[in-house]
Amino acid sequence: MSLLPPQIQRTIEEFSKLPGIGPKSAERLTFHLLRSSKARPDRLGQTLLDLKHELKYCTQCQMITLQDECAICLDPSRDHATILVVEDPLEVVAFEKTSYRGVYHVLHGVLSPIDGMGPEQLRMKELVERAKTGTTNEVIIATNPDVEGEATASYIHLQLEGTVPKITRLAHGLPMGADIEFADQVTLREALAGRRSL
């Protein structure tokens, strides 16, 4: 039997479901909300409700937005013939800090049978439909270089092959400032395979 009231126990359980939040962190967050004069649980609750009910997915790229289409898809100065495919919305934010000027497609995950993520759970159907319009010249696959990301990249390639003139994958290899002596074999192999002319 728990010494804590059920309201506290439920709050701890809900916080524990968040990525990177273990039981101890969940307890700390819960008790912080209870005792802090600055913490506003009512405001936090309303903010979370707004997050779920007011936001939607862009009908073009599946990015999170308030309108039917996001600002990037509505921007006529973007290269709408180049689509960069990413796993989640945070990666769009990261690429927007670079010189990339094309548009995006957000999958909202990767293929991972262990986590119950199959092709049906990803936003793949929307990507295939965009590619079939004939206005796409290149799809750049920017999934992470891990087992799930590689499997997802291969699946995307199979789905789009013959539909899009050019399908590319982000280069993998050594990050800036890395020491070659500390790099693993896979990273070195990818760095050699992705080499470019100077």
N, C-alpha and C. Protein backbone atom coordinates (compact mmCIF):
# COMPACT_ATOMS: atom_id res chain seq x y z
N MET A 1 0.84 -1.19 0.00
CA MET A 1 0.00 0.00 0.00
C MET A 1 0.89 1.25 0.00
N SER A 2 0.54 2.20 -0.85
CA SER A 2 1.33 3.42 -0.97
C SER A 2 0.97 4.41 0.14
N LEU A 3 1.99 5.09 0.65
CA LEU A 3 1.76 6.14 1.65
C LEU A 3 1.24 7.41 1.00
N LEU A 4 1.41 7.53 -0.31
CA LEU A 4 1.03 8.73 -1.03
C LEU A 4 -0.43 8.68 -1.47
N PRO A 5 -1.11 9.83 -1.44
CA PRO A 5 -2.48 9.88 -1.96
C PRO A 5 -2.51 9.49 -3.43
N PRO A 6 -3.62 8.96 -3.91
CA PRO A 6 -3.69 8.50 -5.30
C PRO A 6 -3.44 9.61 -6.32
N GLN A 7 -3.79 10.85 -6.01
CA GLN A 7 -3.55 11.96 -6.93
C GLN A 7 -2.05 12.15 -7.17
N ILE A 8 -1.26 12.05 -6.10
CA ILE A 8 0.19 12.19 -6.23
C ILE A 8 0.76 10.99 -6.99
N GLN A 9 0.30 9.81 -6.66
CA GLN A 9 0.78 8.60 -7.31
C GLN A 9 0.50 8.64 -8.82
N ARG A 10 -0.71 9.10 -9.19
CA ARG A 10 -1.07 9.19 -10.61
C ARG A 10 -0.19 10.22 -11.32
N THR A 11 0.08 11.34 -10.66
CA THR A 11 0.92 12.38 -11.26
C THR A 11 2.33 11.86 -11.50
N ILE A 12 2.87 11.14 -10.51
CA ILE A 12 4.21 10.54 -10.65
C ILE A 12 4.22 9.56 -11.82
N GLU A 13 3.18 8.74 -11.93
CA GLU A 13 3.09 7.76 -13.01
C GLU A 13 3.05 8.45 -14.38
N GLU A 14 2.30 9.56 -14.48
CA GLU A 14 2.21 10.27 -15.76
C GLU A 14 3.54 10.91 -16.13
N PHE A 15 4.21 11.55 -15.15
CA PHE A 15 5.52 12.13 -15.43
C PHE A 15 6.51 11.04 -15.85
N SER A 16 6.41 9.86 -15.26
CA SER A 16 7.33 8.76 -15.57
C SER A 16 7.20 8.28 -17.01
N LYS A 17 6.08 8.56 -17.64
CA LYS A 17 5.87 8.13 -19.03
C LYS A 17 6.61 9.01 -20.02
N LEU A 18 7.09 10.17 -19.57
CA LEU A 18 7.82 11.08 -20.45
C LEU A 18 9.22 10.56 -20.70
N PRO A 19 9.76 10.78 -21.92
CA PRO A 19 11.11 10.29 -22.21
C PRO A 19 12.15 10.98 -21.34
N GLY A 20 13.07 10.20 -20.80
CA GLY A 20 14.14 10.74 -19.99
C GLY A 20 13.76 11.03 -18.54
N ILE A 21 12.53 10.75 -18.18
CA ILE A 21 12.06 10.99 -16.81
C ILE A 21 11.87 9.64 -16.12
N GLY A 22 12.74 9.36 -15.15
CA GLY A 22 12.62 8.13 -14.38
C GLY A 22 11.74 8.36 -13.16
N PRO A 23 11.53 7.33 -12.35
CA PRO A 23 10.67 7.45 -11.17
C PRO A 23 11.10 8.56 -10.20
N LYS A 24 12.40 8.68 -9.96
CA LYS A 24 12.89 9.70 -9.02
C LYS A 24 12.63 11.12 -9.55
N SER A 25 12.93 11.33 -10.84
CA SER A 25 12.67 12.64 -11.44
C SER A 25 11.18 12.95 -11.42
N ALA A 26 10.36 11.94 -11.68
CA ALA A 26 8.90 12.13 -11.65
C ALA A 26 8.43 12.55 -10.26
N GLU A 27 9.02 11.93 -9.24
CA GLU A 27 8.66 12.31 -7.87
C GLU A 27 9.07 13.76 -7.59
N ARG A 28 10.29 14.12 -7.99
CA ARG A 28 10.77 15.49 -7.77
C ARG A 28 9.87 16.52 -8.47
N LEU A 29 9.50 16.24 -9.73
CA LEU A 29 8.63 17.15 -10.46
C LEU A 29 7.27 17.30 -9.78
N THR A 30 6.72 16.18 -9.34
CA THR A 30 5.41 16.20 -8.69
C THR A 30 5.45 17.03 -7.41
N PHE A 31 6.45 16.79 -6.57
CA PHE A 31 6.53 17.52 -5.31
C PHE A 31 6.92 18.99 -5.53
N HIS A 32 7.64 19.27 -6.59
CA HIS A 32 7.94 20.66 -6.92
C HIS A 32 6.64 21.40 -7.23
N LEU A 33 5.76 20.77 -8.02
CA LEU A 33 4.48 21.39 -8.34
C LEU A 33 3.64 21.62 -7.09
N LEU A 34 3.75 20.72 -6.13
CA LEU A 34 2.97 20.85 -4.89
C LEU A 34 3.46 21.98 -3.99
N ARG A 35 4.76 22.11 -3.84
CA ARG A 35 5.27 23.03 -2.82
C ARG A 35 5.73 24.39 -3.34
N SER A 36 6.02 24.52 -4.62
CA SER A 36 6.57 25.76 -5.14
C SER A 36 5.48 26.82 -5.33
N SER A 37 5.78 28.02 -4.90
CA SER A 37 4.83 29.11 -5.11
C SER A 37 4.87 29.60 -6.56
N LYS A 38 5.99 29.33 -7.25
CA LYS A 38 6.12 29.75 -8.65
C LYS A 38 5.45 28.76 -9.61
N ALA A 39 5.37 27.51 -9.20
CA ALA A 39 4.78 26.49 -10.06
C ALA A 39 3.27 26.71 -10.13
N ARG A 40 2.73 26.63 -11.33
CA ARG A 40 1.30 26.82 -11.53
C ARG A 40 0.73 25.57 -12.19
N PRO A 41 0.36 24.56 -11.40
CA PRO A 41 -0.16 23.32 -11.98
C PRO A 41 -1.38 23.55 -12.88
N ASP A 42 -2.23 24.51 -12.51
CA ASP A 42 -3.41 24.78 -13.33
C ASP A 42 -3.00 25.31 -14.71
N ARG A 43 -2.00 26.17 -14.71
CA ARG A 43 -1.50 26.73 -15.98
C ARG A 43 -0.79 25.65 -16.80
N LEU A 44 0.00 24.81 -16.13
CA LEU A 44 0.66 23.70 -16.81
C LEU A 44 -0.37 22.77 -17.44
N GLY A 45 -1.40 22.44 -16.68
CA GLY A 45 -2.46 21.57 -17.19
C GLY A 45 -3.15 22.17 -18.40
N GLN A 46 -3.47 23.47 -18.35
CA GLN A 46 -4.14 24.14 -19.47
C GLN A 46 -3.22 24.19 -20.69
N THR A 47 -1.93 24.44 -20.44
CA THR A 47 -0.95 24.49 -21.54
C THR A 47 -0.86 23.13 -22.24
N LEU A 48 -0.87 22.05 -21.45
CA LEU A 48 -0.81 20.71 -22.03
C LEU A 48 -2.08 20.39 -22.82
N LEU A 49 -3.23 20.83 -22.31
CA LEU A 49 -4.48 20.64 -23.05
C LEU A 49 -4.46 21.41 -24.37
N ASP A 50 -3.98 22.66 -24.32
CA ASP A 50 -3.88 23.47 -25.54
C ASP A 50 -2.95 22.81 -26.55
N LEU A 51 -1.85 22.25 -26.05
CA LEU A 51 -0.88 21.58 -26.91
C LEU A 51 -1.53 20.46 -27.70
N LYS A 52 -2.38 19.69 -27.04
CA LYS A 52 -3.01 18.55 -27.69
C LYS A 52 -4.20 18.94 -28.57
N HIS A 53 -4.93 20.00 -28.19
CA HIS A 53 -6.17 20.32 -28.89
C HIS A 53 -6.07 21.42 -29.93
N GLU A 54 -5.10 22.33 -29.81
CA GLU A 54 -5.03 23.45 -30.74
C GLU A 54 -4.07 23.20 -31.90
N LEU A 55 -3.08 22.35 -31.69
CA LEU A 55 -2.10 22.10 -32.75
C LEU A 55 -2.58 20.99 -33.67
N LYS A 56 -2.13 21.06 -34.92
CA LYS A 56 -2.46 20.03 -35.90
C LYS A 56 -1.25 19.77 -36.78
N TYR A 57 -1.37 18.82 -37.68
CA TYR A 57 -0.29 18.50 -38.60
C TYR A 57 -0.52 19.20 -39.94
N CYS A 58 0.55 19.76 -40.48
CA CYS A 58 0.50 20.39 -41.80
C CYS A 58 0.04 19.36 -42.81
N THR A 59 -0.88 19.74 -43.66
CA THR A 59 -1.41 18.79 -44.65
C THR A 59 -0.37 18.40 -45.70
N GLN A 60 0.69 19.20 -45.85
CA GLN A 60 1.74 18.90 -46.81
C GLN A 60 2.88 18.08 -46.19
N CYS A 61 3.50 18.65 -45.14
CA CYS A 61 4.74 18.06 -44.63
C CYS A 61 4.61 17.33 -43.29
N GLN A 62 3.46 17.44 -42.66
CA GLN A 62 3.19 16.78 -41.37
C GLN A 62 3.91 17.45 -40.19
N MET A 63 4.44 18.67 -40.39
CA MET A 63 5.02 19.43 -39.29
C MET A 63 3.88 19.92 -38.41
N ILE A 64 4.18 20.19 -37.15
CA ILE A 64 3.17 20.70 -36.23
C ILE A 64 2.92 22.17 -36.53
N THR A 65 1.65 22.55 -36.60
CA THR A 65 1.28 23.91 -36.96
C THR A 65 -0.07 24.28 -36.35
N LEU A 66 -0.45 25.53 -36.49
CA LEU A 66 -1.77 25.99 -36.05
C LEU A 66 -2.76 26.04 -37.21
N GLN A 67 -2.24 26.16 -38.45
CA GLN A 67 -3.08 26.22 -39.64
C GLN A 67 -3.07 24.87 -40.37
N ASP A 68 -3.78 24.84 -41.50
CA ASP A 68 -3.77 23.62 -42.31
C ASP A 68 -2.39 23.36 -42.92
N GLU A 69 -1.69 24.46 -43.29
CA GLU A 69 -0.33 24.33 -43.83
C GLU A 69 0.62 25.17 -42.99
N CYS A 70 1.84 24.67 -42.81
CA CYS A 70 2.83 25.38 -42.00
C CYS A 70 3.45 26.52 -42.79
N ALA A 71 4.17 27.41 -42.09
CA ALA A 71 4.80 28.57 -42.71
C ALA A 71 5.82 28.17 -43.77
N ILE A 72 6.53 27.07 -43.56
CA ILE A 72 7.55 26.63 -44.53
C ILE A 72 6.89 26.21 -45.83
N CYS A 73 5.82 25.43 -45.76
CA CYS A 73 5.14 24.97 -46.97
C CYS A 73 4.46 26.11 -47.71
N LEU A 74 4.05 27.16 -46.99
CA LEU A 74 3.39 28.31 -47.60
C LEU A 74 4.38 29.31 -48.19
N ASP A 75 5.66 29.16 -47.88
CA ASP A 75 6.68 30.11 -48.32
C ASP A 75 7.05 29.87 -49.79
N PRO A 76 6.70 30.79 -50.71
CA PRO A 76 6.99 30.58 -52.13
C PRO A 76 8.48 30.65 -52.47
N SER A 77 9.30 31.19 -51.55
CA SER A 77 10.74 31.28 -51.83
C SER A 77 11.47 29.97 -51.56
N ARG A 78 10.80 29.00 -50.96
CA ARG A 78 11.42 27.70 -50.69
C ARG A 78 11.45 26.86 -51.96
N ASP A 79 12.40 25.91 -52.01
CA ASP A 79 12.50 24.97 -53.13
C ASP A 79 11.55 23.81 -52.84
N HIS A 80 10.36 23.87 -53.41
CA HIS A 80 9.33 22.86 -53.15
C HIS A 80 9.58 21.56 -53.91
N ALA A 81 10.59 21.53 -54.74
CA ALA A 81 10.92 20.30 -55.49
C ALA A 81 11.90 19.42 -54.72
N THR A 82 12.42 19.93 -53.59
CA THR A 82 13.36 19.16 -52.77
C THR A 82 12.73 18.93 -51.40
N ILE A 83 12.58 17.67 -51.03
CA ILE A 83 11.96 17.31 -49.75
C ILE A 83 12.99 16.61 -48.87
N LEU A 84 13.20 17.14 -47.68
CA LEU A 84 14.09 16.55 -46.68
C LEU A 84 13.22 15.77 -45.69
N VAL A 85 13.41 14.46 -45.62
CA VAL A 85 12.60 13.61 -44.75
C VAL A 85 13.30 13.44 -43.41
N VAL A 86 12.59 13.81 -42.33
CA VAL A 86 13.15 13.72 -40.98
C VAL A 86 12.25 12.88 -40.09
N GLU A 87 12.81 12.45 -38.96
CA GLU A 87 12.06 11.60 -38.04
C GLU A 87 11.03 12.37 -37.23
N ASP A 88 11.41 13.56 -36.71
CA ASP A 88 10.49 14.30 -35.85
C ASP A 88 10.63 15.81 -36.03
N PRO A 89 9.66 16.57 -35.52
CA PRO A 89 9.66 18.03 -35.71
C PRO A 89 10.91 18.75 -35.19
N LEU A 90 11.53 18.24 -34.13
CA LEU A 90 12.73 18.90 -33.62
C LEU A 90 13.86 18.92 -34.64
N GLU A 91 13.88 17.95 -35.54
CA GLU A 91 14.90 17.91 -36.57
C GLU A 91 14.67 19.00 -37.62
N VAL A 92 13.40 19.36 -37.85
CA VAL A 92 13.11 20.49 -38.74
C VAL A 92 13.71 21.75 -38.14
N VAL A 93 13.52 21.93 -36.83
CA VAL A 93 14.08 23.09 -36.13
C VAL A 93 15.60 23.13 -36.30
N ALA A 94 16.25 21.98 -36.18
CA ALA A 94 17.71 21.90 -36.33
C ALA A 94 18.14 22.27 -37.75
N PHE A 95 17.46 21.72 -38.77
CA PHE A 95 17.84 22.01 -40.15
C PHE A 95 17.55 23.45 -40.55
N GLU A 96 16.58 24.07 -39.91
CA GLU A 96 16.26 25.47 -40.21
C GLU A 96 17.39 26.41 -39.78
N LYS A 97 18.29 25.92 -38.94
CA LYS A 97 19.44 26.72 -38.52
C LYS A 97 20.60 26.59 -39.50
N THR A 98 20.40 25.79 -40.55
CA THR A 98 21.43 25.61 -41.58
C THR A 98 21.02 26.41 -42.82
N SER A 99 21.69 26.18 -43.92
CA SER A 99 21.39 26.90 -45.17
C SER A 99 20.35 26.17 -46.03
N TYR A 100 19.76 25.10 -45.52
CA TYR A 100 18.78 24.32 -46.30
C TYR A 100 17.56 25.20 -46.61
N ARG A 101 17.14 25.22 -47.89
CA ARG A 101 16.02 26.06 -48.31
C ARG A 101 14.91 25.28 -49.01
N GLY A 102 14.95 23.95 -48.91
CA GLY A 102 13.87 23.15 -49.48
C GLY A 102 12.72 23.04 -48.48
N VAL A 103 11.88 22.02 -48.66
CA VAL A 103 10.78 21.76 -47.74
C VAL A 103 11.04 20.44 -47.02
N TYR A 104 10.14 20.05 -46.14
CA TYR A 104 10.35 18.89 -45.29
C TYR A 104 9.20 17.90 -45.40
N HIS A 105 9.47 16.71 -44.84
CA HIS A 105 8.42 15.75 -44.55
C HIS A 105 8.77 15.11 -43.22
N VAL A 106 7.87 15.18 -42.26
CA VAL A 106 8.11 14.65 -40.91
C VAL A 106 7.40 13.30 -40.77
N LEU A 107 8.18 12.26 -40.48
CA LEU A 107 7.63 10.90 -40.35
C LEU A 107 6.94 10.66 -39.00
N HIS A 108 7.36 11.38 -37.97
CA HIS A 108 6.88 11.18 -36.60
C HIS A 108 7.26 9.80 -36.07
N GLY A 109 8.50 9.40 -36.34
CA GLY A 109 9.02 8.14 -35.83
C GLY A 109 9.85 7.42 -36.88
N VAL A 110 10.27 6.22 -36.52
CA VAL A 110 11.01 5.34 -37.43
C VAL A 110 10.47 3.93 -37.29
N LEU A 111 10.78 3.09 -38.25
CA LEU A 111 10.36 1.69 -38.16
C LEU A 111 11.04 1.04 -36.97
N SER A 112 10.24 0.52 -36.06
CA SER A 112 10.76 -0.13 -34.87
C SER A 112 9.71 -1.10 -34.34
N PRO A 113 9.74 -2.36 -34.84
CA PRO A 113 8.74 -3.34 -34.41
C PRO A 113 8.68 -3.52 -32.89
N ILE A 114 9.82 -3.40 -32.22
CA ILE A 114 9.84 -3.57 -30.76
C ILE A 114 8.98 -2.51 -30.08
N ASP A 115 8.97 -1.29 -30.66
CA ASP A 115 8.19 -0.20 -30.10
C ASP A 115 6.80 -0.08 -30.73
N GLY A 116 6.44 -1.06 -31.55
CA GLY A 116 5.13 -1.05 -32.19
C GLY A 116 5.02 -0.04 -33.32
N MET A 117 6.15 0.34 -33.90
CA MET A 117 6.15 1.32 -35.00
C MET A 117 6.39 0.61 -36.32
N GLY A 118 5.32 0.42 -37.07
CA GLY A 118 5.42 -0.13 -38.41
C GLY A 118 5.15 0.96 -39.43
N PRO A 119 5.13 0.63 -40.71
CA PRO A 119 4.88 1.64 -41.75
C PRO A 119 3.55 2.38 -41.56
N GLU A 120 2.54 1.69 -41.00
CA GLU A 120 1.23 2.30 -40.81
C GLU A 120 1.26 3.42 -39.77
N GLN A 121 2.19 3.35 -38.81
CA GLN A 121 2.28 4.35 -37.76
C GLN A 121 3.06 5.60 -38.22
N LEU A 122 3.83 5.47 -39.27
CA LEU A 122 4.61 6.60 -39.78
C LEU A 122 3.77 7.38 -40.78
N ARG A 123 4.18 8.59 -41.08
CA ARG A 123 3.49 9.44 -42.07
C ARG A 123 4.06 9.16 -43.46
N MET A 124 4.12 7.88 -43.81
CA MET A 124 4.68 7.45 -45.09
C MET A 124 3.71 7.65 -46.25
N LYS A 125 2.45 7.35 -46.02
CA LYS A 125 1.44 7.46 -47.07
C LYS A 125 1.42 8.87 -47.65
N GLU A 126 1.52 9.87 -46.77
CA GLU A 126 1.52 11.27 -47.20
C GLU A 126 2.75 11.60 -48.04
N LEU A 127 3.90 11.02 -47.67
CA LEU A 127 5.13 11.25 -48.43
C LEU A 127 5.02 10.65 -49.83
N VAL A 128 4.51 9.43 -49.92
CA VAL A 128 4.35 8.76 -51.21
C VAL A 128 3.39 9.56 -52.10
N GLU A 129 2.31 10.06 -51.51
CA GLU A 129 1.34 10.86 -52.28
C GLU A 129 1.98 12.14 -52.80
N ARG A 130 2.81 12.79 -51.98
CA ARG A 130 3.51 14.00 -52.42
C ARG A 130 4.44 13.69 -53.58
N ALA A 131 5.14 12.57 -53.47
CA ALA A 131 6.11 12.19 -54.51
C ALA A 131 5.40 11.88 -55.83
N LYS A 132 4.20 11.33 -55.76
CA LYS A 132 3.46 10.94 -56.97
C LYS A 132 2.91 12.12 -57.75
N THR A 133 2.94 13.32 -57.18
CA THR A 133 2.43 14.50 -57.89
C THR A 133 3.33 14.87 -59.06
N GLY A 134 4.57 14.38 -59.05
CA GLY A 134 5.50 14.66 -60.14
C GLY A 134 6.23 15.99 -60.03
N THR A 135 6.05 16.69 -58.92
CA THR A 135 6.72 17.99 -58.75
C THR A 135 7.98 17.88 -57.90
N THR A 136 8.29 16.67 -57.41
CA THR A 136 9.45 16.47 -56.56
C THR A 136 10.64 16.00 -57.39
N ASN A 137 11.75 16.72 -57.30
CA ASN A 137 12.98 16.35 -58.02
C ASN A 137 13.92 15.51 -57.17
N GLU A 138 13.92 15.78 -55.85
CA GLU A 138 14.83 15.05 -54.96
C GLU A 138 14.20 14.86 -53.59
N VAL A 139 14.38 13.66 -53.05
CA VAL A 139 14.03 13.38 -51.66
C VAL A 139 15.33 13.06 -50.94
N ILE A 140 15.61 13.84 -49.89
CA ILE A 140 16.81 13.62 -49.07
C ILE A 140 16.36 12.93 -47.79
N ILE A 141 16.88 11.74 -47.54
CA ILE A 141 16.49 10.98 -46.35
C ILE A 141 17.46 11.32 -45.22
N ALA A 142 16.90 11.87 -44.13
CA ALA A 142 17.73 12.33 -43.01
C ALA A 142 17.35 11.62 -41.71
N THR A 143 17.16 10.30 -41.80
CA THR A 143 16.92 9.54 -40.57
C THR A 143 18.25 9.30 -39.87
N ASN A 144 18.20 9.00 -38.58
CA ASN A 144 19.42 8.79 -37.81
C ASN A 144 20.19 7.56 -38.31
N PRO A 145 21.52 7.59 -38.17
CA PRO A 145 22.33 6.46 -38.64
C PRO A 145 22.39 5.32 -37.62
N ASP A 146 21.22 4.85 -37.20
CA ASP A 146 21.15 3.69 -36.31
C ASP A 146 20.35 2.60 -37.01
N VAL A 147 20.13 1.48 -36.37
CA VAL A 147 19.46 0.35 -37.02
C VAL A 147 18.07 0.75 -37.51
N GLU A 148 17.29 1.42 -36.66
CA GLU A 148 15.93 1.81 -37.02
C GLU A 148 15.95 2.85 -38.15
N GLY A 149 16.87 3.82 -38.05
CA GLY A 149 16.97 4.86 -39.06
C GLY A 149 17.36 4.30 -40.42
N GLU A 150 18.29 3.35 -40.41
CA GLU A 150 18.73 2.72 -41.67
C GLU A 150 17.60 1.89 -42.27
N ALA A 151 16.87 1.16 -41.44
CA ALA A 151 15.73 0.36 -41.93
C ALA A 151 14.66 1.28 -42.52
N THR A 152 14.42 2.40 -41.87
CA THR A 152 13.43 3.36 -42.36
C THR A 152 13.89 3.97 -43.68
N ALA A 153 15.17 4.31 -43.77
CA ALA A 153 15.71 4.88 -45.02
C ALA A 153 15.55 3.88 -46.17
N SER A 154 15.85 2.62 -45.92
CA SER A 154 15.70 1.59 -46.96
C SER A 154 14.24 1.45 -47.38
N TYR A 155 13.34 1.49 -46.41
CA TYR A 155 11.91 1.38 -46.70
C TYR A 155 11.43 2.57 -47.55
N ILE A 156 11.86 3.77 -47.19
CA ILE A 156 11.49 4.96 -47.96
C ILE A 156 12.00 4.83 -49.39
N HIS A 157 13.25 4.40 -49.53
CA HIS A 157 13.83 4.22 -50.87
C HIS A 157 13.00 3.25 -51.70
N LEU A 158 12.61 2.13 -51.12
CA LEU A 158 11.80 1.14 -51.83
C LEU A 158 10.44 1.72 -52.23
N GLN A 159 9.84 2.52 -51.35
CA GLN A 159 8.53 3.09 -51.63
C GLN A 159 8.56 4.16 -52.72
N LEU A 160 9.68 4.89 -52.81
CA LEU A 160 9.76 6.01 -53.75
C LEU A 160 10.53 5.71 -55.03
N GLU A 161 11.21 4.58 -55.06
CA GLU A 161 12.03 4.23 -56.23
C GLU A 161 11.15 4.21 -57.49
N GLY A 162 11.61 4.94 -58.51
CA GLY A 162 10.86 5.02 -59.76
C GLY A 162 9.84 6.14 -59.78
N THR A 163 9.58 6.76 -58.64
CA THR A 163 8.62 7.85 -58.55
C THR A 163 9.31 9.20 -58.54
N VAL A 164 10.47 9.25 -57.88
CA VAL A 164 11.23 10.49 -57.72
C VAL A 164 12.55 10.33 -58.49
N PRO A 165 12.95 11.35 -59.27
CA PRO A 165 14.20 11.23 -60.05
C PRO A 165 15.44 10.99 -59.20
N LYS A 166 15.50 11.58 -58.00
CA LYS A 166 16.71 11.48 -57.20
C LYS A 166 16.36 11.24 -55.73
N ILE A 167 16.89 10.16 -55.17
CA ILE A 167 16.72 9.86 -53.75
C ILE A 167 18.11 9.79 -53.14
N THR A 168 18.37 10.65 -52.15
CA THR A 168 19.70 10.69 -51.53
C THR A 168 19.57 10.48 -50.03
N ARG A 169 20.72 10.23 -49.40
CA ARG A 169 20.79 10.00 -47.95
C ARG A 169 21.83 10.96 -47.41
N LEU A 170 21.60 11.52 -46.24
CA LEU A 170 22.60 12.38 -45.63
C LEU A 170 23.91 11.63 -45.49
N ALA A 171 25.02 12.33 -45.68
CA ALA A 171 26.33 11.71 -45.51
C ALA A 171 26.56 11.39 -44.03
N HIS A 172 27.25 10.31 -43.79
CA HIS A 172 27.62 9.92 -42.42
C HIS A 172 29.14 9.90 -42.34
N GLY A 173 29.64 10.01 -41.16
CA GLY A 173 31.09 9.93 -41.01
C GLY A 173 31.55 10.69 -39.80
N LEU A 174 32.73 11.25 -39.89
CA LEU A 174 33.34 11.92 -38.76
C LEU A 174 32.75 13.31 -38.53
N PRO A 175 32.38 13.62 -37.30
CA PRO A 175 31.91 14.98 -37.01
C PRO A 175 33.09 15.94 -36.94
N MET A 176 32.81 17.23 -37.12
CA MET A 176 33.86 18.25 -37.03
C MET A 176 34.52 18.18 -35.65
N GLY A 177 35.83 18.25 -35.63
CA GLY A 177 36.56 18.25 -34.36
C GLY A 177 36.83 16.87 -33.78
N ALA A 178 36.41 15.81 -34.50
CA ALA A 178 36.60 14.46 -33.98
C ALA A 178 38.03 13.98 -34.20
N ASP A 179 38.51 13.12 -33.32
CA ASP A 179 39.82 12.49 -33.48
C ASP A 179 39.62 11.14 -34.16
N ILE A 180 40.31 10.93 -35.28
CA ILE A 180 40.17 9.69 -36.04
C ILE A 180 40.53 8.47 -35.20
N GLU A 181 41.53 8.61 -34.34
CA GLU A 181 41.96 7.45 -33.54
C GLU A 181 40.86 6.93 -32.61
N PHE A 182 39.89 7.77 -32.26
CA PHE A 182 38.81 7.36 -31.34
C PHE A 182 37.54 6.93 -32.07
N ALA A 183 37.51 7.04 -33.40
CA ALA A 183 36.32 6.70 -34.16
C ALA A 183 36.18 5.18 -34.29
N ASP A 184 34.93 4.72 -34.29
CA ASP A 184 34.69 3.28 -34.44
C ASP A 184 34.77 2.90 -35.92
N GLN A 185 34.80 1.59 -36.21
CA GLN A 185 34.97 1.09 -37.57
C GLN A 185 33.83 1.50 -38.49
N VAL A 186 32.61 1.48 -37.98
CA VAL A 186 31.45 1.84 -38.81
C VAL A 186 31.55 3.31 -39.23
N THR A 187 31.89 4.18 -38.29
CA THR A 187 32.03 5.61 -38.60
C THR A 187 33.12 5.84 -39.63
N LEU A 188 34.26 5.16 -39.47
CA LEU A 188 35.36 5.32 -40.43
C LEU A 188 34.96 4.79 -41.81
N ARG A 189 34.26 3.66 -41.85
CA ARG A 189 33.80 3.10 -43.13
C ARG A 189 32.85 4.08 -43.83
N GLU A 190 31.91 4.65 -43.06
CA GLU A 190 30.96 5.63 -43.62
C GLU A 190 31.68 6.89 -44.10
N ALA A 191 32.69 7.32 -43.34
CA ALA A 191 33.45 8.51 -43.71
C ALA A 191 34.19 8.27 -45.04
N LEU A 192 34.75 7.09 -45.21
CA LEU A 192 35.44 6.76 -46.47
C LEU A 192 34.44 6.68 -47.62
N ALA A 193 33.31 6.04 -47.39
CA ALA A 193 32.31 5.89 -48.45
C ALA A 193 31.72 7.24 -48.86
N GLY A 194 31.60 8.17 -47.92
CA GLY A 194 30.99 9.46 -48.22
C GLY A 194 31.99 10.56 -48.55
N ARG A 195 33.21 10.16 -48.88
CA ARG A 195 34.24 11.18 -49.15
C ARG A 195 33.87 11.99 -50.38
N ARG A 196 34.40 13.24 -50.47
CA ARG A 196 34.09 14.12 -51.58
C ARG A 196 35.37 14.76 -52.10
N SER A 197 35.28 15.28 -53.31
CA SER A 197 36.44 15.95 -53.92
C SER A 197 36.67 17.31 -53.27
N LEU A 198 37.93 17.70 -53.23
CA LEU A 198 38.27 19.02 -52.68
C LEU A 198 38.51 20.00 -53.81
